[in-house]
Amino acid sequence: MDRIQELSKYIKLTGERAKLDAKANGTYIVYKNDKGQIVKEYANGEIEVVQDQGGS
C-alpha cells in the first residue's frame, strides 16, 4: 500500500472514531463539507451549517 492510500485509510478511521465518540458522549463533530462550509453533524444525522462569525 502506498503512503497516500495509508493516509486516506487513517483519515477515514479517525472520522469514524470521532462519530462514535460523539454518539457516546451526546455531542457532535465539526468538519468542512464538500462545499467548503463548516458544519456540525449530530449523532442523529442532523447537519447544521455553522454561520461565519467573521473570524479567520
N, C-alpha and C. Protein backbone atom coordinates (compact mmCIF):
# COMPACT_ATOMS: atom_id res chain seq x y z
N MET A 1 0.86 -1.18 0.00
CA MET A 1 0.00 0.00 0.00
C MET A 1 0.90 1.24 0.00
N ASP A 2 0.60 2.18 -0.85
CA ASP A 2 1.44 3.37 -0.85
C ASP A 2 1.00 4.34 0.25
N ARG A 3 1.82 5.32 0.49
CA ARG A 3 1.60 6.23 1.63
C ARG A 3 0.29 7.00 1.54
N ILE A 4 -0.11 7.40 0.34
CA ILE A 4 -1.35 8.17 0.21
C ILE A 4 -2.55 7.30 0.57
N GLN A 5 -2.54 6.05 0.14
CA GLN A 5 -3.63 5.15 0.50
C GLN A 5 -3.67 4.90 2.00
N GLU A 6 -2.50 4.73 2.60
CA GLU A 6 -2.45 4.53 4.06
C GLU A 6 -2.97 5.75 4.79
N LEU A 7 -2.57 6.93 4.36
CA LEU A 7 -3.02 8.16 4.99
C LEU A 7 -4.53 8.32 4.84
N SER A 8 -5.06 8.03 3.66
CA SER A 8 -6.51 8.11 3.44
C SER A 8 -7.26 7.16 4.37
N LYS A 9 -6.70 5.97 4.56
CA LYS A 9 -7.31 4.99 5.45
C LYS A 9 -7.37 5.52 6.88
N TYR A 10 -6.26 6.09 7.36
CA TYR A 10 -6.22 6.61 8.73
C TYR A 10 -7.13 7.82 8.91
N ILE A 11 -7.24 8.65 7.91
CA ILE A 11 -8.16 9.80 7.98
C ILE A 11 -9.59 9.30 8.10
N LYS A 12 -9.95 8.31 7.29
CA LYS A 12 -11.31 7.76 7.34
C LYS A 12 -11.58 7.13 8.70
N LEU A 13 -10.63 6.36 9.21
CA LEU A 13 -10.81 5.71 10.51
C LEU A 13 -10.94 6.74 11.64
N THR A 14 -10.18 7.82 11.54
CA THR A 14 -10.25 8.89 12.55
C THR A 14 -11.63 9.53 12.55
N GLY A 15 -12.18 9.79 11.36
CA GLY A 15 -13.52 10.36 11.26
C GLY A 15 -14.58 9.44 11.82
N GLU A 16 -14.45 8.15 11.52
CA GLU A 16 -15.41 7.18 12.04
C GLU A 16 -15.34 7.10 13.57
N ARG A 17 -14.12 7.16 14.10
CA ARG A 17 -13.95 7.13 15.55
C ARG A 17 -14.55 8.38 16.19
N ALA A 18 -14.37 9.52 15.55
CA ALA A 18 -14.94 10.78 16.07
C ALA A 18 -16.46 10.69 16.13
N LYS A 19 -17.07 10.09 15.12
CA LYS A 19 -18.53 9.93 15.11
C LYS A 19 -18.98 9.03 16.26
N LEU A 20 -18.25 7.94 16.49
CA LEU A 20 -18.60 7.04 17.60
C LEU A 20 -18.47 7.74 18.95
N ASP A 21 -17.39 8.50 19.12
CA ASP A 21 -17.19 9.23 20.38
C ASP A 21 -18.28 10.28 20.58
N ALA A 22 -18.66 10.97 19.52
CA ALA A 22 -19.71 11.98 19.62
C ALA A 22 -21.04 11.34 20.01
N LYS A 23 -21.33 10.20 19.43
CA LYS A 23 -22.58 9.50 19.76
C LYS A 23 -22.56 9.05 21.23
N ALA A 24 -21.44 8.51 21.68
CA ALA A 24 -21.34 8.03 23.06
C ALA A 24 -21.44 9.16 24.07
N ASN A 25 -20.98 10.35 23.70
CA ASN A 25 -20.96 11.48 24.62
C ASN A 25 -22.08 12.48 24.40
N GLY A 26 -22.96 12.20 23.44
CA GLY A 26 -24.09 13.10 23.18
C GLY A 26 -23.67 14.44 22.62
N THR A 27 -22.60 14.46 21.82
CA THR A 27 -22.11 15.71 21.24
C THR A 27 -22.17 15.63 19.72
N TYR A 28 -21.32 16.33 19.03
CA TYR A 28 -21.32 16.38 17.57
C TYR A 28 -19.88 16.47 17.08
N ILE A 29 -19.71 16.28 15.77
CA ILE A 29 -18.41 16.50 15.15
C ILE A 29 -18.50 17.73 14.26
N VAL A 30 -17.38 18.36 14.03
CA VAL A 30 -17.32 19.56 13.18
C VAL A 30 -16.32 19.29 12.07
N TYR A 31 -16.72 19.61 10.84
CA TYR A 31 -15.83 19.42 9.71
C TYR A 31 -16.22 20.35 8.57
N LYS A 32 -15.40 20.39 7.55
CA LYS A 32 -15.68 21.19 6.36
C LYS A 32 -16.24 20.25 5.30
N ASN A 33 -17.42 20.58 4.77
CA ASN A 33 -18.05 19.71 3.78
C ASN A 33 -17.49 19.98 2.38
N ASP A 34 -18.04 19.29 1.39
CA ASP A 34 -17.56 19.41 0.01
C ASP A 34 -17.76 20.81 -0.57
N LYS A 35 -18.71 21.57 -0.02
CA LYS A 35 -18.98 22.92 -0.49
C LYS A 35 -18.10 23.96 0.20
N GLY A 36 -17.25 23.52 1.13
CA GLY A 36 -16.37 24.42 1.85
C GLY A 36 -17.00 25.06 3.07
N GLN A 37 -18.17 24.59 3.46
CA GLN A 37 -18.86 25.12 4.64
C GLN A 37 -18.42 24.35 5.88
N ILE A 38 -18.34 25.04 7.01
CA ILE A 38 -18.09 24.38 8.28
C ILE A 38 -19.44 23.91 8.81
N VAL A 39 -19.53 22.63 9.17
CA VAL A 39 -20.79 22.06 9.62
C VAL A 39 -20.61 21.28 10.91
N LYS A 40 -21.71 21.18 11.67
CA LYS A 40 -21.78 20.32 12.84
C LYS A 40 -22.66 19.14 12.44
N GLU A 41 -22.22 17.93 12.73
CA GLU A 41 -23.04 16.75 12.45
C GLU A 41 -23.31 16.05 13.77
N TYR A 42 -24.59 15.95 14.10
CA TYR A 42 -25.02 15.31 15.34
C TYR A 42 -25.17 13.80 15.14
N ALA A 43 -25.20 13.06 16.22
CA ALA A 43 -25.28 11.60 16.17
C ALA A 43 -26.56 11.12 15.49
N ASN A 44 -27.62 11.93 15.52
CA ASN A 44 -28.88 11.52 14.89
C ASN A 44 -28.91 11.80 13.39
N GLY A 45 -27.80 12.29 12.84
CA GLY A 45 -27.70 12.55 11.40
C GLY A 45 -27.99 13.98 11.00
N GLU A 46 -28.49 14.78 11.94
CA GLU A 46 -28.79 16.18 11.65
C GLU A 46 -27.49 16.94 11.38
N ILE A 47 -27.50 17.73 10.31
CA ILE A 47 -26.32 18.53 9.95
C ILE A 47 -26.71 20.00 9.99
N GLU A 48 -25.91 20.79 10.70
CA GLU A 48 -26.17 22.21 10.89
C GLU A 48 -24.96 22.99 10.35
N VAL A 49 -25.24 23.94 9.44
CA VAL A 49 -24.16 24.78 8.92
C VAL A 49 -23.82 25.83 9.96
N VAL A 50 -22.53 25.98 10.26
CA VAL A 50 -22.06 26.96 11.23
C VAL A 50 -21.95 28.29 10.51
N GLN A 51 -22.58 29.31 11.07
CA GLN A 51 -22.54 30.65 10.46
C GLN A 51 -21.17 31.27 10.63
N ASP A 52 -20.72 31.96 9.60
CA ASP A 52 -19.44 32.66 9.65
C ASP A 52 -19.55 33.79 10.68
N GLN A 53 -18.61 33.82 11.62
CA GLN A 53 -18.64 34.84 12.65
C GLN A 53 -17.56 35.89 12.44
N GLY A 54 -17.05 35.97 11.20
CA GLY A 54 -16.09 36.99 10.87
C GLY A 54 -14.67 36.66 11.28
N GLY A 55 -14.44 35.50 11.87
CA GLY A 55 -13.11 35.10 12.27
C GLY A 55 -12.37 34.48 11.10
N SER A 56 -11.08 34.22 11.30
CA SER A 56 -10.34 33.59 10.22
C SER A 56 -10.24 32.10 10.42
